[in-house]
Amino acid sequence: MESHYVLSLLLRRAREDDVPAIVAMLADDPLGAQREGDPGDERYLAAFERIDADPYNELIVAERDGKVVGTMQLTYLAGLSRLGAERCQIEAVRVAAPERGRGLGRKMIQWAVDRARARGCAMVQLTSDRSRTDAHRFYDSLGFTASHVGYKLRLD
């Protein structure tokens, strides 16, 4: 995957040295603070290595002036429905606190949708915690529809 500049931003595949910044963004909200640990935890690096080695996963960062300011994970899902169409699942979308409200999230999602379209995906989907009402309005404004109910079962 080649890197792309989008209005002074570089959107690219994450590198191992980006992991601490990504984990810090994942932890920088009330929900993430409850589930994330020390950014140096070796489990994060092991997960990064699995994601990075998988051609159906892309861990993406947005970089501005050499600093990671956003992240998201794109997972490409094969299925038989829709004539065997592939779907792009967008997860773990985060924007660093100083960058919020400046349009970075919109640019990231639009970039991801364009990437999925170029790959031939028939659909882009995502999930968002019920408590993230601002995120829901954001996704609605981008043309996403809350068409399904999601369920999760924690395996602790």
Protein backbone atom coordinates (compact mmCIF):
# COMPACT_ATOMS: atom_id res chain seq x y z
CA MET A 1 0.00 0.00 0.00
CA GLU A 2 1.39 3.36 -0.91
CA SER A 3 0.93 6.38 1.35
CA HIS A 4 -1.44 9.20 0.40
CA TYR A 5 -1.41 12.86 1.39
CA VAL A 6 -4.83 14.36 2.10
CA LEU A 7 -4.81 18.13 2.80
CA SER A 8 -1.47 18.21 4.66
CA LEU A 9 -2.10 14.81 6.25
CA LEU A 10 -0.31 11.59 5.50
CA LEU A 11 -2.56 8.52 5.73
CA ARG A 12 -0.46 5.35 5.82
CA ARG A 13 -0.14 1.85 7.22
CA ALA A 14 0.95 1.91 10.84
CA ARG A 15 4.46 0.88 11.79
CA GLU A 16 5.54 -0.83 14.97
CA ASP A 17 6.87 2.41 16.41
CA ASP A 18 3.37 3.95 16.03
CA VAL A 19 1.83 1.45 18.46
CA PRO A 20 2.28 3.53 21.67
CA ALA A 21 0.62 6.58 20.04
CA ILE A 22 -2.24 4.41 18.75
CA VAL A 23 -2.82 2.82 22.16
CA ALA A 24 -2.75 6.26 23.80
CA MET A 25 -5.53 7.41 21.44
CA LEU A 26 -7.54 4.23 22.12
CA ALA A 27 -7.31 4.95 25.85
CA ASP A 28 -8.13 8.68 25.59
CA ASP A 29 -11.85 8.57 26.29
CA PRO A 30 -14.07 7.21 29.09
CA LEU A 31 -14.68 3.86 27.38
CA GLY A 32 -11.10 3.30 26.29
CA ALA A 33 -9.71 4.29 29.67
CA GLN A 34 -11.56 1.30 31.14
CA ARG A 35 -10.22 -1.28 28.70
CA GLU A 36 -6.71 -0.24 27.65
CA GLY A 37 -3.44 -0.83 29.46
CA ASP A 38 0.15 0.33 29.36
CA PRO A 39 1.03 1.28 25.75
CA GLY A 40 4.29 -0.66 26.18
CA ASP A 41 2.50 -3.93 26.99
CA GLU A 42 3.91 -6.68 24.75
CA ARG A 43 0.38 -7.86 23.87
CA TYR A 44 -0.11 -4.69 21.81
CA LEU A 45 3.01 -5.44 19.78
CA ALA A 46 1.94 -9.06 19.28
CA ALA A 47 -1.48 -7.86 18.05
CA PHE A 48 0.19 -5.32 15.77
CA GLU A 49 2.35 -8.06 14.23
CA ARG A 50 -0.73 -10.22 13.53
CA ILE A 51 -2.61 -7.30 11.97
CA ASP A 52 0.37 -6.17 9.92
CA ALA A 53 0.97 -9.68 8.53
CA ASP A 54 -2.68 -10.16 7.50
CA PRO A 55 -3.51 -9.00 3.94
CA TYR A 56 -7.15 -8.56 5.01
CA ASN A 57 -6.31 -6.05 7.74
CA GLU A 58 -4.85 -2.57 7.55
CA LEU A 59 -4.01 -0.56 10.63
CA ILE A 60 -3.95 3.02 9.38
CA VAL A 61 -2.58 6.17 10.96
CA ALA A 62 -3.03 9.81 10.08
CA GLU A 63 0.18 11.73 10.48
CA ARG A 64 0.65 15.50 10.58
CA ASP A 65 4.12 17.04 10.83
CA GLY A 66 5.61 13.67 11.77
CA LYS A 67 3.15 13.08 14.62
CA VAL A 68 0.44 10.40 14.66
CA VAL A 69 -2.87 12.24 15.13
CA GLY A 70 -5.45 9.64 14.08
CA THR A 71 -5.95 5.92 13.62
CA MET A 72 -8.41 3.34 12.33
CA GLN A 73 -8.39 -0.31 11.39
CA LEU A 74 -9.80 -1.57 8.10
CA THR A 75 -10.70 -5.26 7.89
CA TYR A 76 -11.83 -6.81 4.62
CA LEU A 77 -14.45 -9.52 5.13
CA ALA A 78 -15.23 -12.17 2.55
CA GLY A 79 -18.75 -13.54 2.44
CA LEU A 80 -21.15 -15.42 0.25
CA SER A 81 -23.96 -12.88 0.50
CA ARG A 82 -24.31 -10.20 -2.17
CA LEU A 83 -22.86 -12.57 -4.77
CA GLY A 84 -19.69 -13.17 -2.76
CA ALA A 85 -18.98 -9.49 -2.22
CA GLU A 86 -16.26 -8.28 0.11
CA ARG A 87 -17.10 -5.80 2.89
CA CYS A 88 -14.84 -3.31 4.60
CA GLN A 89 -15.25 -3.11 8.37
CA ILE A 90 -13.95 0.13 9.91
CA GLU A 91 -13.03 -0.16 13.59
CA ALA A 92 -11.15 1.70 16.31
CA VAL A 93 -11.47 5.15 14.75
CA ARG A 94 -9.71 7.66 16.96
CA VAL A 95 -8.51 11.23 16.57
CA ALA A 96 -5.99 12.76 18.98
CA ALA A 97 -7.61 15.26 21.36
CA PRO A 98 -5.91 18.42 19.94
CA GLU A 99 -7.14 17.49 16.43
CA ARG A 100 -10.79 16.83 17.29
CA GLY A 101 -13.42 19.04 15.67
CA ARG A 102 -11.13 20.05 12.78
CA GLY A 103 -12.41 17.64 10.13
CA LEU A 104 -9.73 14.97 10.47
CA GLY A 105 -12.20 12.17 11.27
CA ARG A 106 -14.26 13.05 8.19
CA LYS A 107 -11.16 12.96 5.98
CA MET A 108 -10.11 9.62 7.45
CA ILE A 109 -13.51 7.97 6.92
CA GLN A 110 -13.83 9.37 3.39
CA TRP A 111 -10.34 8.02 2.63
CA ALA A 112 -11.33 4.59 4.02
CA VAL A 113 -14.52 4.52 1.93
CA ASP A 114 -12.57 5.46 -1.19
CA ARG A 115 -10.04 2.73 -0.39
CA ALA A 116 -12.80 0.13 0.04
CA ARG A 117 -14.44 1.21 -3.21
CA ALA A 118 -11.12 0.96 -5.07
CA ARG A 119 -10.63 -2.54 -3.67
CA GLY A 120 -14.05 -3.54 -5.02
CA CYS A 121 -15.92 -3.80 -1.73
CA ALA A 122 -19.70 -3.74 -1.99
CA MET A 123 -20.22 -2.21 1.43
CA VAL A 124 -18.48 -0.37 4.25
CA GLN A 125 -19.72 -1.08 7.75
CA LEU A 126 -18.78 -0.10 11.26
CA THR A 127 -19.96 -0.38 14.83
CA SER A 128 -20.08 2.28 17.48
CA ASP A 129 -20.81 1.96 21.19
CA ARG A 130 -24.34 3.10 22.09
CA SER A 131 -22.96 5.77 24.40
CA ARG A 132 -21.08 7.55 21.59
CA THR A 133 -23.97 9.73 20.43
CA ASP A 134 -21.66 12.35 18.90
CA ALA A 135 -20.01 9.62 16.82
CA HIS A 136 -23.45 8.43 15.68
CA ARG A 137 -24.33 11.92 14.42
CA PHE A 138 -20.95 12.05 12.69
CA TYR A 139 -21.49 8.72 10.89
CA ASP A 140 -25.05 9.75 9.95
CA SER A 141 -23.63 12.94 8.39
CA LEU A 142 -21.34 10.79 6.23
CA GLY A 143 -24.25 8.76 4.84
CA PHE A 144 -24.02 5.71 7.09
CA THR A 145 -27.32 4.33 8.33
CA ALA A 146 -27.97 2.59 11.64
CA SER A 147 -29.55 -0.36 9.85
CA HIS A 148 -28.59 -3.21 12.18
CA VAL A 149 -28.50 -3.99 15.89
CA GLY A 150 -25.16 -5.31 17.08
CA TYR A 151 -24.51 -7.75 19.89
CA LYS A 152 -21.30 -8.63 21.71
CA LEU A 153 -20.47 -11.36 24.17
CA ARG A 154 -17.46 -10.70 26.38
CA LEU A 155 -15.26 -13.72 26.96
CA ASP A 156 -13.45 -12.89 30.19
